[in-house]
C-alpha cells in the first residue's frame, strides 16, 4: 500500500504576515535543518498572531478569527514558504 502524497508532513521554511491582528509586517525565513523552532517572547510581542497566520493561510476564510486584520487596516496578507 502506498502512502498518500504529502504524508511526510509540511515543512514551513518561511512566513510573511502583513496587517494580521497585531502584526504590522513580518517576514521570517526559518532554519528547517534545526527541526523544531521555539516561538518565544514577552506578552504582546505577536507570538499568537504569527501562529494564527499559519491555519489562516492553509485553511482560508473558515479558519479566520473574528478580527483577523490589524486595527485601522482594511486588508491583510499571509504567505507561507514550504
Protein backbone atom coordinates (compact mmCIF):
# COMPACT_ATOMS: atom_id res chain seq x y z
CA UNK A 1 0.00 0.00 0.00
CA UNK A 2 1.40 3.41 -0.95
CA UNK A 3 1.14 6.43 1.30
CA UNK A 4 -0.86 9.46 0.16
CA UNK A 5 1.01 12.38 -1.36
CA UNK A 6 2.15 14.74 1.37
CA UNK A 7 2.03 12.12 4.11
CA UNK A 8 5.53 13.16 5.20
CA UNK A 9 4.09 16.41 6.50
CA UNK A 10 4.57 20.05 5.67
CA UNK A 11 7.86 21.82 6.37
CA UNK A 12 7.42 25.58 6.57
CA UNK A 13 10.60 27.37 5.55
CA UNK A 14 9.26 30.90 5.88
CA UNK A 15 6.27 33.01 6.79
CA UNK A 16 5.21 36.52 5.88
CA UNK A 17 2.35 38.35 7.58
CA UNK A 18 1.18 41.90 6.86
CA UNK A 19 -1.59 43.62 8.90
CA UNK A 20 -2.59 40.39 10.63
CA UNK A 21 -4.01 41.01 14.09
CA UNK A 22 -1.29 42.95 15.93
CA UNK A 23 1.42 42.34 13.32
CA UNK A 24 2.23 45.29 11.05
CA UNK A 25 4.76 43.38 8.92
CA UNK A 26 6.98 40.35 9.49
CA UNK A 27 8.90 38.23 7.01
CA UNK A 28 10.80 35.30 8.51
CA UNK A 29 13.00 32.66 6.92
CA UNK A 30 13.19 29.58 9.13
CA UNK A 31 16.13 27.20 9.53
CA UNK A 32 14.45 23.95 8.52
CA UNK A 33 17.61 21.99 9.39
CA UNK A 34 17.08 22.87 13.06
CA UNK A 35 13.89 20.79 13.32
CA UNK A 36 11.52 22.28 15.88
CA UNK A 37 11.74 26.04 16.25
CA UNK A 38 10.61 27.60 19.53
CA UNK A 39 8.49 30.74 19.30
CA UNK A 40 9.15 32.73 22.44
CA UNK A 41 8.78 36.30 23.61
CA UNK A 42 7.15 38.61 26.11
CA UNK A 43 3.40 39.13 26.22
CA UNK A 44 2.13 41.27 23.37
CA UNK A 45 5.05 40.65 21.00
CA UNK A 46 2.97 38.83 18.34
CA UNK A 47 3.54 35.13 19.01
CA UNK A 48 -0.14 34.20 18.78
CA UNK A 49 -0.90 36.24 15.64
CA UNK A 50 2.15 34.69 13.98
CA UNK A 51 0.95 31.17 14.82
CA UNK A 52 -2.65 32.03 13.83
CA UNK A 53 -1.41 33.12 10.40
CA UNK A 54 -0.49 29.51 9.55
CA UNK A 55 -4.01 27.95 9.69
CA UNK A 56 -5.48 31.10 8.12
CA UNK A 57 -3.15 30.73 5.16
CA UNK A 58 -3.76 27.00 4.78
CA UNK A 59 -7.49 26.92 5.60
CA UNK A 60 -8.75 30.20 4.20
CA UNK A 61 -11.82 32.03 5.48
CA UNK A 62 -13.12 29.10 7.53
CA UNK A 63 -10.07 29.46 9.82
CA UNK A 64 -10.31 33.24 10.34
CA UNK A 65 -10.96 34.68 13.78
CA UNK A 66 -13.45 37.50 14.37
CA UNK A 67 -10.87 40.25 13.79
CA UNK A 68 -8.09 38.86 11.56
CA UNK A 69 -6.91 42.23 10.16
CA UNK A 70 -4.91 44.72 12.21
CA UNK A 71 -6.93 47.60 13.68
CA UNK A 72 -7.46 50.54 11.27
CA UNK A 73 -6.49 48.45 8.20
CA UNK A 74 -8.82 47.08 5.53
CA UNK A 75 -6.77 44.12 4.31
CA UNK A 76 -4.15 41.68 5.49
CA UNK A 77 -1.84 39.16 3.83
CA UNK A 78 -0.17 35.93 4.87
CA UNK A 79 2.26 33.84 2.83
CA UNK A 80 3.89 30.52 3.74
CA UNK A 81 7.03 29.28 2.03
CA UNK A 82 7.46 25.50 2.03
